[in-house]
Amino acid sequence: MRELKAGTAYFLWVFAAGFALGVLRELWLAPWLGTRTAELAEMPVMLAVVVLAARWTVRRFHLTPAWPGRLAAGVIAVGWLLLAEVALVVGLRGLTLADYLAGRDPVAGMAYVVSLLLMVFMPWLVRRAGRQ
């Protein structure tokens, strides 16, 4: 149960920051730099958010040092994030999931996949970094 709460809180922090940055990206940065560059420029900021949110989550929910619990929190957070993204794409943008995926830039899309993997592992990675 602790991992579910931790993963949900982790998701909420990352989602809130990503939503705010996404609005700025779409309204200001993308028209100026182009979609690919804007999405790639946002990635380092979101990575910093993921690191900070993972640290906060691990401390706030007193996740055990063992990797399974921390990995579970990361998987839950990314699961919620993907569900929210699908709901927003289908609900707000009126696209089918297939249309959305087909319209993604391949470079920015791959960077997004890597960022999701980092988000999954970050609760465990912040622990590892703190021990060294």
Protein backbone atom coordinates (compact mmCIF):
# COMPACT_ATOMS: atom_id res chain seq x y z
CA MET A 1 0.00 0.00 0.00
CA ARG A 2 2.90 2.35 0.77
CA GLU A 3 4.27 1.90 -2.75
CA LEU A 4 0.88 2.70 -4.28
CA LYS A 5 0.63 5.94 -2.32
CA ALA A 6 4.26 6.81 -3.09
CA GLY A 7 3.86 6.07 -6.79
CA THR A 8 0.70 8.13 -6.97
CA ALA A 9 2.33 11.10 -5.24
CA TYR A 10 5.40 10.77 -7.47
CA PHE A 11 3.14 10.78 -10.52
CA LEU A 12 1.24 13.86 -9.32
CA TRP A 13 4.43 15.91 -8.88
CA VAL A 14 5.81 14.93 -12.28
CA PHE A 15 2.47 15.30 -14.03
CA ALA A 16 1.80 18.76 -12.59
CA ALA A 17 5.23 20.01 -13.65
CA GLY A 18 4.95 18.34 -17.04
CA PHE A 19 1.51 19.80 -17.65
CA ALA A 20 2.69 23.32 -16.83
CA LEU A 21 5.84 22.97 -18.90
CA GLY A 22 3.87 21.40 -21.74
CA VAL A 23 1.58 24.41 -21.93
CA LEU A 24 4.59 26.74 -22.07
CA ARG A 25 6.27 24.50 -24.63
CA GLU A 26 3.27 24.38 -26.94
CA LEU A 27 2.30 28.05 -26.69
CA TRP A 28 5.70 29.69 -26.63
CA LEU A 29 8.68 27.44 -27.35
CA ALA A 30 7.38 25.21 -30.16
CA PRO A 31 6.28 28.06 -32.46
CA TRP A 32 9.68 29.68 -31.97
CA LEU A 33 12.01 26.65 -32.12
CA GLY A 34 9.92 23.89 -33.68
CA THR A 35 8.29 20.92 -32.02
CA ARG A 36 11.32 18.61 -31.87
CA THR A 37 13.68 21.20 -30.43
CA ALA A 38 11.07 22.40 -27.94
CA GLU A 39 10.40 18.87 -26.70
CA LEU A 40 14.10 18.10 -26.41
CA ALA A 41 14.74 21.39 -24.60
CA GLU A 42 12.08 20.47 -22.05
CA MET A 43 13.67 17.08 -21.28
CA PRO A 44 16.49 18.27 -18.96
CA VAL A 45 14.03 20.34 -16.93
CA MET A 46 11.71 17.37 -16.59
CA LEU A 47 14.62 15.13 -15.63
CA ALA A 48 15.43 17.54 -12.79
CA VAL A 49 11.76 17.42 -11.74
CA VAL A 50 11.85 13.61 -11.79
CA VAL A 51 14.97 13.53 -9.61
CA LEU A 52 13.53 15.98 -7.08
CA ALA A 53 10.14 14.25 -7.03
CA ALA A 54 11.78 10.83 -6.56
CA ARG A 55 13.89 12.12 -3.67
CA TRP A 56 10.86 13.70 -2.03
CA THR A 57 8.79 10.55 -2.54
CA VAL A 58 11.41 8.23 -1.07
CA ARG A 59 11.78 10.43 2.02
CA ARG A 60 8.11 11.29 2.48
CA PHE A 61 6.86 7.72 2.24
CA HIS A 62 9.86 6.12 3.97
CA LEU A 63 10.33 3.63 1.15
CA THR A 64 12.50 0.72 2.17
CA PRO A 65 16.04 0.68 0.78
CA ALA A 66 15.36 -2.55 -1.09
CA TRP A 67 14.91 -2.06 -4.81
CA PRO A 68 11.55 -3.88 -5.27
CA GLY A 69 9.54 -1.30 -3.30
CA ARG A 70 11.23 1.66 -4.93
CA LEU A 71 10.89 0.14 -8.37
CA ALA A 72 7.20 -0.55 -7.68
CA ALA A 73 6.66 3.14 -6.87
CA GLY A 74 8.34 4.10 -10.15
CA VAL A 75 6.29 1.62 -12.18
CA ILE A 76 3.07 2.83 -10.57
CA ALA A 77 3.96 6.47 -11.26
CA VAL A 78 4.73 5.80 -14.92
CA GLY A 79 1.57 3.71 -15.25
CA TRP A 80 -0.50 6.63 -13.97
CA LEU A 81 1.41 9.00 -16.27
CA LEU A 82 0.70 6.91 -19.35
CA LEU A 83 -2.98 6.61 -18.41
CA ALA A 84 -3.22 10.37 -17.95
CA GLU A 85 -1.48 11.02 -21.25
CA VAL A 86 -3.80 8.69 -23.14
CA ALA A 87 -6.83 10.29 -21.46
CA LEU A 88 -5.64 13.78 -22.37
CA VAL A 89 -4.76 12.87 -25.94
CA VAL A 90 -8.07 11.15 -26.58
CA GLY A 91 -10.19 13.50 -24.46
CA LEU A 92 -8.73 16.95 -25.02
CA ARG A 93 -7.02 16.69 -28.35
CA GLY A 94 -9.59 14.43 -29.97
CA LEU A 95 -6.96 12.14 -31.45
CA THR A 96 -6.95 8.41 -31.52
CA LEU A 97 -4.00 6.78 -29.80
CA ALA A 98 -2.77 5.52 -33.19
CA ASP A 99 -2.90 9.04 -34.67
CA TYR A 100 -1.06 10.46 -31.69
CA LEU A 101 1.72 7.86 -31.87
CA ALA A 102 2.03 8.23 -35.64
CA GLY A 103 2.40 12.00 -35.28
CA ARG A 104 5.22 11.85 -32.71
CA ASP A 105 8.67 12.97 -33.78
CA PRO A 106 10.91 9.87 -33.76
CA VAL A 107 13.85 11.58 -32.03
CA ALA A 108 11.78 13.35 -29.37
CA GLY A 109 9.62 10.23 -29.02
CA MET A 110 12.65 8.06 -28.26
CA ALA A 111 13.92 10.64 -25.76
CA TYR A 112 10.49 10.48 -24.11
CA VAL A 113 10.70 6.69 -23.83
CA VAL A 114 14.14 7.00 -22.22
CA SER A 115 12.76 9.61 -19.80
CA LEU A 116 9.95 7.22 -18.81
CA LEU A 117 12.50 4.50 -18.09
CA LEU A 118 14.52 6.94 -16.00
CA MET A 119 11.36 7.85 -14.11
CA VAL A 120 10.71 4.18 -13.34
CA PHE A 121 14.19 3.67 -11.92
CA MET A 122 14.72 7.08 -10.30
CA PRO A 123 13.41 6.18 -6.81
CA TRP A 124 16.02 3.42 -6.72
CA LEU A 125 18.73 5.55 -8.38
CA VAL A 126 18.41 8.42 -5.89
CA ARG A 127 18.98 5.90 -3.14
CA ARG A 128 22.08 4.56 -4.87
CA ALA A 129 23.46 8.06 -5.44
CA GLY A 130 22.91 8.97 -1.80
CA ARG A 131 24.88 5.94 -0.58
CA GLN A 132 28.00 6.76 -2.58
